C-alpha atoms as a PDB file:
ATOM      1  CA  MET A   1     -48.785 164.225  42.632  1.00  0.00           C
ATOM      2  CA  ARG A   2     -49.991 167.315  43.869  1.00  0.00           C
ATOM      3  CA  ARG A   3     -53.743 166.245  43.301  1.00  0.00           C
ATOM      4  CA  ILE A   4     -53.075 162.648  44.933  1.00  0.00           C
ATOM      5  CA  THR A   5     -51.740 164.611  48.082  1.00  0.00           C
ATOM      6  CA  ILE A   6     -54.846 166.547  48.009  1.00  0.00           C
ATOM      7  CA  VAL A   7     -57.071 163.662  48.076  1.00  0.00           C
ATOM      8  CA  THR A   8     -54.962 161.483  50.510  1.00  0.00           C
ATOM      9  CA  GLY A   9     -54.812 164.672  53.078  1.00  0.00           C
ATOM     10  CA  LEU A  10     -58.753 164.674  52.586  1.00  0.00           C
ATOM     11  CA  ALA A  11     -59.172 161.334  53.720  1.00  0.00           C
ATOM     12  CA  LEU A  12     -56.630 161.631  56.835  1.00  0.00           C
ATOM     13  CA  GLY A  13     -58.393 164.716  57.634  1.00  0.00           C
ATOM     14  CA  LEU A  14     -61.808 163.049  57.761  1.00  0.00           C
ATOM     15  CA  SER A  15     -60.174 160.179  59.640  1.00  0.00           C
ATOM     16  CA  ALA A  16     -58.610 162.785  62.207  1.00  0.00           C
ATOM     17  CA  THR A  17     -62.254 164.252  62.452  1.00  0.00           C
ATOM     18  CA  LEU A  18     -63.897 161.344  63.057  1.00  0.00           C
ATOM     19  CA  ALA A  19     -61.687 159.635  65.453  1.00  0.00           C
ATOM     20  CA  GLY A  20     -63.256 161.367  68.273  1.00  0.00           C
ATOM     21  CA  CYS A  21     -66.370 159.607  67.418  1.00  0.00           C
ATOM     22  CA  ALA A  22     -65.233 156.286  68.518  1.00  0.00           C
ATOM     23  CA  THR A  23     -68.071 154.843  70.658  1.00  0.00           C
ATOM     24  CA  GLY A  24     -68.496 152.596  73.461  1.00  0.00           C
ATOM     25  CA  PRO A  25     -70.593 152.241  76.401  1.00  0.00           C
ATOM     26  CA  SER A  26     -69.805 154.485  79.059  1.00  0.00           C
ATOM     27  CA  ARG A  27     -72.653 153.672  81.516  1.00  0.00           C
ATOM     28  CA  PHE A  28     -72.624 149.500  82.735  1.00  0.00           C
ATOM     29  CA  PRO A  29     -76.206 148.111  84.266  1.00  0.00           C
ATOM     30  CA  VAL A  30     -75.965 147.470  87.943  1.00  0.00           C
ATOM     31  CA  GLN A  31     -76.208 143.603  89.020  1.00  0.00           C
ATOM     32  CA  ALA A  32     -77.975 143.305  92.058  1.00  0.00           C
ATOM     33  CA  THR A  33     -78.546 139.827  94.268  1.00  0.00           C
ATOM     34  CA  ARG A  34     -80.941 139.415  96.966  1.00  0.00           C
ATOM     35  CA  PHE A  35     -81.791 136.789 100.189  1.00  0.00           C
ATOM     36  CA  HIS A  36     -84.530 136.998 102.662  1.00  0.00           C
ATOM     37  CA  PHE A  37     -86.751 134.499 104.466  1.00  0.00           C
ATOM     38  CA  ASP A  38     -89.984 136.332 104.255  1.00  0.00           C
ATOM     39  CA  ALA A  39     -92.125 138.843 102.203  1.00  0.00           C
ATOM     40  CA  MET A  40     -90.407 141.763 104.458  1.00  0.00           C
ATOM     41  CA  ALA A  41     -93.932 143.319 104.712  1.00  0.00           C
ATOM     42  CA  ASP A  42     -93.213 144.930 107.827  1.00  0.00           C
ATOM     43  CA  ARG A  43     -91.784 148.166 108.454  1.00  0.00           C
ATOM     44  CA  GLY A  44     -90.712 150.175 111.189  1.00  0.00           C
ATOM     45  CA  THR A  45     -87.678 152.437 112.627  1.00  0.00           C
ATOM     46  CA  ILE A  46     -84.524 151.880 111.209  1.00  0.00           C
ATOM     47  CA  ALA A  47     -81.100 152.948 111.810  1.00  0.00           C
ATOM     48  CA  VAL A  48     -78.147 152.538 109.297  1.00  0.00           C
ATOM     49  CA  GLU A  49     -74.745 152.001 110.780  1.00  0.00           C
ATOM     50  CA  PRO A  50     -71.245 150.633 109.205  1.00  0.00           C
ATOM     51  CA  LEU A  51     -70.764 146.818 109.129  1.00  0.00           C
ATOM     52  CA  THR A  52     -67.990 147.235 111.289  1.00  0.00           C
ATOM     53  CA  GLY A  53     -69.532 148.871 113.685  1.00  0.00           C
ATOM     54  CA  SER A  54     -66.594 150.563 114.913  1.00  0.00           C
ATOM     55  CA  GLY A  55     -64.320 153.379 114.184  1.00  0.00           C
ATOM     56  CA  THR A  56     -64.992 156.819 112.993  1.00  0.00           C
ATOM     57  CA  ALA A  57     -67.091 156.718 109.460  1.00  0.00           C
ATOM     58  CA  SER A  58     -65.652 158.063 106.526  1.00  0.00           C
ATOM     59  CA  ILE A  59     -67.031 160.759 104.488  1.00  0.00           C
ATOM     60  CA  GLU A  60     -66.974 158.375 101.442  1.00  0.00           C
ATOM     61  CA  TYR A  61     -69.132 155.610 103.629  1.00  0.00           C
ATOM     62  CA  LYS A  62     -71.227 158.439 104.827  1.00  0.00           C
ATOM     63  CA  THR A  63     -72.260 158.999 101.009  1.00  0.00           C
ATOM     64  CA  TYR A  64     -73.271 155.180 100.987  1.00  0.00           C
ATOM     65  CA  ALA A  65     -75.138 155.157 104.072  1.00  0.00           C
ATOM     66  CA  ALA A  66     -77.083 158.448 103.162  1.00  0.00           C
ATOM     67  CA  ALA A  67     -78.143 156.877  99.842  1.00  0.00           C
ATOM     68  CA  VAL A  68     -79.299 153.392 101.372  1.00  0.00           C
ATOM     69  CA  GLN A  69     -81.057 155.477 103.973  1.00  0.00           C
ATOM     70  CA  THR A  70     -82.895 157.162 101.408  1.00  0.00           C
ATOM     71  CA  GLU A  71     -84.259 154.025  99.543  1.00  0.00           C
ATOM     72  CA  LEU A  72     -85.111 152.350 103.033  1.00  0.00           C
ATOM     73  CA  LEU A  73     -87.109 155.875 103.523  1.00  0.00           C
ATOM     74  CA  ARG A  74     -88.877 155.723 100.128  1.00  0.00           C
ATOM     75  CA  LEU A  75     -90.118 151.972 100.970  1.00  0.00           C
ATOM     76  CA  GLY A  76     -91.541 153.099 104.269  1.00  0.00           C
ATOM     77  CA  TYR A  77     -89.386 152.908 106.978  1.00  0.00           C
ATOM     78  CA  THR A  78     -88.775 155.740 109.352  1.00  0.00           C
ATOM     79  CA  ASN A  79     -85.756 157.623 111.297  1.00  0.00           C
ATOM     80  CA  PRO A  80     -85.789 156.418 115.277  1.00  0.00           C
ATOM     81  CA  ALA A  81     -86.345 159.670 117.424  1.00  0.00           C
ATOM     82  CA  PRO A  82     -83.226 160.555 119.438  1.00  0.00           C
ATOM     83  CA  GLY A  83     -82.678 158.133 122.038  1.00  0.00           C
ATOM     84  CA  GLN A  84     -84.965 155.402 120.510  1.00  0.00           C
ATOM     85  CA  THR A  85     -83.594 152.017 119.824  1.00  0.00           C
ATOM     86  CA  PRO A  86     -84.898 151.215 116.369  1.00  0.00           C
ATOM     87  CA  GLN A  87     -86.633 148.196 115.522  1.00  0.00           C
ATOM     88  CA  PHE A  88     -84.425 147.379 112.511  1.00  0.00           C
ATOM     89  CA  LEU A  89     -80.904 147.693 111.592  1.00  0.00           C
ATOM     90  CA  ALA A  90     -79.240 148.267 108.604  1.00  0.00           C
ATOM     91  CA  THR A  91     -75.689 147.441 108.338  1.00  0.00           C
ATOM     92  CA  VAL A  92     -73.791 148.867 105.277  1.00  0.00           C
ATOM     93  CA  SER A  93     -70.395 148.224 103.575  1.00  0.00           C
ATOM     94  CA  PHE A  94     -69.076 148.945 100.055  1.00  0.00           C
ATOM     95  CA  SER A  95     -65.794 148.065  98.355  1.00  0.00           C
ATOM     96  CA  ARG A  96     -63.956 149.818  95.288  1.00  0.00           C
ATOM     97  CA  ALA A  97     -61.430 148.436  92.877  1.00  0.00           C
ATOM     98  CA  PRO A  98     -59.807 148.997  89.538  1.00  0.00           C
ATOM     99  CA  GLY A  99     -61.890 147.400  86.848  1.00  0.00           C
ATOM    100  CA  VAL A 100     -61.182 146.805  82.987  1.00  0.00           C
ATOM    101  CA  LEU A 101     -63.797 148.798  80.821  1.00  0.00           C
ATOM    102  CA  PRO A 102     -64.446 147.097  77.224  1.00  0.00           C
ATOM    103  CA  PRO A 103     -62.369 149.040  74.296  1.00  0.00           C
ATOM    104  CA  ARG A 104     -63.966 151.654  72.544  1.00  0.00           C
ATOM    105  CA  GLN A 105     -64.942 150.509  69.040  1.00  0.00           C
ATOM    106  CA  SER A 106     -65.763 152.972  66.008  1.00  0.00           C
ATOM    107  CA  PRO A 107     -68.981 151.948  63.853  1.00  0.00           C
ATOM    108  CA  VAL A 108     -67.615 154.293  61.600  1.00  0.00           C
ATOM    109  CA  SER A 109     -65.684 153.615  58.395  1.00  0.00           C
ATOM    110  CA  ILE A 110     -64.837 155.598  55.323  1.00  0.00           C
ATOM    111  CA  GLY A 111     -64.493 154.296  51.826  1.00  0.00           C
ATOM    112  CA  LEU A 112     -62.746 155.832  48.856  1.00  0.00           C
ATOM    113  CA  GLY A 113     -63.201 154.466  45.668  1.00  0.00           C
ATOM    114  CA  GLY A 114     -64.304 155.114  41.807  1.00  0.00           C
ATOM    115  CA  GLY A 115     -64.644 158.798  42.677  1.00  0.00           C
ATOM    116  CA  GLY A 116     -62.313 161.790  42.248  1.00  0.00           C
ATOM    117  CA  ILE A 117     -61.458 165.107  43.137  1.00  0.00           C
ATOM    118  CA  SER A 118     -61.078 167.885  40.675  1.00  0.00           C
ATOM    119  CA  GLY A 119     -58.471 170.456  40.792  1.00  0.00           C
ATOM    120  CA  GLY A 120     -56.978 173.180  38.444  1.00  0.00           C
ATOM    121  CA  ARG A 121     -58.272 173.617  35.384  1.00  0.00           C
ATOM    122  CA  GLY A 122     -60.552 170.758  33.946  1.00  0.00           C
ATOM    123  CA  GLY A 123     -58.468 168.254  35.801  1.00  0.00           C
ATOM    124  CA  GLY A 124     -59.340 165.543  37.795  1.00  0.00           C
ATOM    125  CA  VAL A 125     -57.597 162.488  39.763  1.00  0.00           C
ATOM    126  CA  GLY A 126     -59.849 159.281  40.163  1.00  0.00           C
ATOM    127  CA  LEU A 127     -59.038 156.503  42.837  1.00  0.00           C
ATOM    128  CA  GLY A 128     -59.574 153.016  41.453  1.00  0.00           C
ATOM    129  CA  GLY A 129     -60.372 149.900  43.354  1.00  0.00           C
ATOM    130  CA  GLY A 130     -61.288 151.356  46.905  1.00  0.00           C
ATOM    131  CA  VAL A 131     -59.798 151.795  50.119  1.00  0.00           C
ATOM    132  CA  SER A 132     -62.146 151.167  53.527  1.00  0.00           C
ATOM    133  CA  PHE A 133     -60.451 151.840  57.108  1.00  0.00           C
ATOM    134  CA  PRO A 134     -62.283 152.097  60.385  1.00  0.00           C
ATOM    135  CA  VAL A 135     -62.405 155.528  62.333  1.00  0.00           C
ATOM    136  CA  GLY A 136     -61.164 155.835  65.772  1.00  0.00           C
ATOM    137  CA  GLY A 137     -59.098 153.520  67.819  1.00  0.00           C
ATOM    138  CA  SER A 138     -59.480 150.601  70.449  1.00  0.00           C
ATOM    139  CA  GLY A 139     -57.667 149.680  73.793  1.00  0.00           C
ATOM    140  CA  ALA A 140     -58.187 148.890  77.249  1.00  0.00           C
ATOM    141  CA  ARG A 141     -59.191 151.816  79.563  1.00  0.00           C
ATOM    142  CA  GLU A 142     -59.294 151.900  83.245  1.00  0.00           C
ATOM    143  CA  GLY A 143     -62.490 152.114  85.088  1.00  0.00           C
ATOM    144  CA  ILE A 144     -63.428 151.161  88.840  1.00  0.00           C
ATOM    145  CA  VAL A 145     -65.752 148.257  90.212  1.00  0.00           C
ATOM    146  CA  THR A 146     -68.013 149.560  93.450  1.00  0.00           C
ATOM    147  CA  GLU A 147     -69.896 146.985  95.522  1.00  0.00           C
ATOM    148  CA  LEU A 148     -72.410 147.856  98.184  1.00  0.00           C
ATOM    149  CA  SER A 149     -73.514 145.436 100.706  1.00  0.00           C
ATOM    150  CA  VAL A 150     -76.579 145.982 102.897  1.00  0.00           C
ATOM    151  CA  ARG A 151     -78.194 143.703 105.741  1.00  0.00           C
ATOM    152  CA  ILE A 152     -81.259 144.058 107.714  1.00  0.00           C
ATOM    153  CA  ARG A 153     -81.609 142.962 111.104  1.00  0.00           C
ATOM    154  CA  ARG A 154     -84.125 142.674 113.629  1.00  0.00           C
ATOM    155  CA  GLY A 155     -82.523 142.285 116.921  1.00  0.00           C
ATOM    156  CA  PRO A 156     -79.841 139.368 116.141  1.00  0.00           C
ATOM    157  CA  ASP A 157     -81.756 138.031 113.460  1.00  0.00           C
ATOM    158  CA  ALA A 158     -80.829 138.530 110.013  1.00  0.00           C
ATOM    159  CA  LEU A 159     -83.939 139.280 107.670  1.00  0.00           C
ATOM    160  CA  TRP A 160     -82.611 140.184 104.226  1.00  0.00           C
ATOM    161  CA  GLU A 161     -79.357 140.897 102.681  1.00  0.00           C
ATOM    162  CA  GLY A 162     -78.362 141.948  99.554  1.00  0.00           C
ATOM    163  CA  GLN A 163     -75.504 143.245  97.551  1.00  0.00           C
ATOM    164  CA  ALA A 164     -75.171 145.712  94.076  1.00  0.00           C
ATOM    165  CA  GLN A 165     -72.024 145.691  91.839  1.00  0.00           C
ATOM    166  CA  SER A 166     -71.276 147.884  88.952  1.00  0.00           C
ATOM    167  CA  LEU A 167     -68.529 148.747  86.583  1.00  0.00           C
ATOM    168  CA  THR A 168     -68.190 152.543  86.020  1.00  0.00           C
ATOM    169  CA  ASP A 169     -66.167 154.656  83.385  1.00  0.00           C
ATOM    170  CA  LEU A 170     -64.885 157.228  85.609  1.00  0.00           C
ATOM    171  CA  THR A 171     -64.356 159.576  82.356  1.00  0.00           C
ATOM    172  CA  ALA A 172     -68.211 159.237  81.923  1.00  0.00           C
ATOM    173  CA  PRO A 173     -70.988 161.557  83.422  1.00  0.00           C
ATOM    174  CA  GLU A 174     -72.426 160.800  86.698  1.00  0.00           C
ATOM    175  CA  SER A 175     -69.122 158.997  87.969  1.00  0.00           C
ATOM    176  CA  ASP A 176     -68.710 160.761  91.328  1.00  0.00           C
ATOM    177  CA  THR A 177     -69.330 158.828  94.462  1.00  0.00           C
ATOM    178  CA  PRO A 178     -72.827 160.520  95.402  1.00  0.00           C
ATOM    179  CA  ALA A 179     -73.721 159.304  91.720  1.00  0.00           C
ATOM    180  CA  ILE A 180     -72.407 155.641  92.101  1.00  0.00           C
ATOM    181  CA  ALA A 181     -73.927 155.142  95.586  1.00  0.00           C
ATOM    182  CA  ALA A 182     -77.205 156.278  94.439  1.00  0.00           C
ATOM    183  CA  ARG A 183     -77.116 153.948  91.618  1.00  0.00           C
ATOM    184  CA  LEU A 184     -76.151 150.988  93.423  1.00  0.00           C
ATOM    185  CA  ALA A 185     -78.580 151.564  96.337  1.00  0.00           C
ATOM    186  CA  ARG A 186     -81.573 152.451  93.687  1.00  0.00           C
ATOM    187  CA  ALA A 187     -80.879 148.962  91.772  1.00  0.00           C
ATOM    188  CA  LEU A 188     -80.372 146.886  95.456  1.00  0.00           C
ATOM    189  CA  PHE A 189     -84.157 147.873  96.485  1.00  0.00           C
ATOM    190  CA  THR A 190     -85.581 147.599  93.294  1.00  0.00           C
ATOM    191  CA  GLY A 191     -88.732 145.645  93.748  1.00  0.00           C
ATOM    192  CA  PHE A 192     -88.004 145.014  97.261  1.00  0.00           C
ATOM    193  CA  PRO A 193     -87.401 142.478  98.713  1.00  0.00           C
ATOM    194  CA  GLY A 194     -86.996 140.903  95.379  1.00  0.00           C
ATOM    195  CA  ASP A 195     -86.607 137.260  94.301  1.00  0.00           C
ATOM    196  CA  SER A 196     -84.183 135.757  97.076  1.00  0.00           C
ATOM    197  CA  GLY A 197     -81.187 134.352  95.341  1.00  0.00           C
ATOM    198  CA  ARG A 198     -81.956 135.897  91.781  1.00  0.00           C
ATOM    199  CA  THR A 199     -79.401 138.361  90.313  1.00  0.00           C
ATOM    200  CA  ILE A 200     -81.188 141.290  88.354  1.00  0.00           C
ATOM    201  CA  GLU A 201     -79.854 143.812  86.103  1.00  0.00           C
ATOM    202  CA  VAL A 202     -80.833 147.529  86.509  1.00  0.00           C
ATOM    203  CA  PRO A 203     -79.984 150.082  83.887  1.00  0.00           C
END
């Protein structure tokens, strides 16, 4: 009985050790959809403003606006000089809502069967048949769904608009607001202006 306890204790010890190896996605692709009426080849000065156009911009909004501005500058737009009216205007909005992450599933299982562990003087205990059980747990995990929306106008005319959305595991690296904003903005302007009406996934 004592030796059987040793074998069982070892199995349980392995289970406890490997339980932390349960795997599941912690980074999800960004889905981006864009709409436009022309090739958007013209570049010029551009300003970034909140979609509402009123009230004091929050620190969180400024983070998303800065990410959008970074991508626009990379595409060849420029900041207007102080006091100058920009040629283009990019209005930015974002939203955050709770989301459910897929459960973690472990690919690891432990099989015990046919073998034995010796103990004491010349003795051994064999486990006949077989025992196999998965390691790790599963269950719903909470995340956050973030959406970034941008519209580019020239005067009263809307020229381009897009939305990017992603699910984020808040326990994963790079789950802070600047990282999320940068990922969404980068995906939104990937292949700018993009195929109108088509949704793409960007890792």
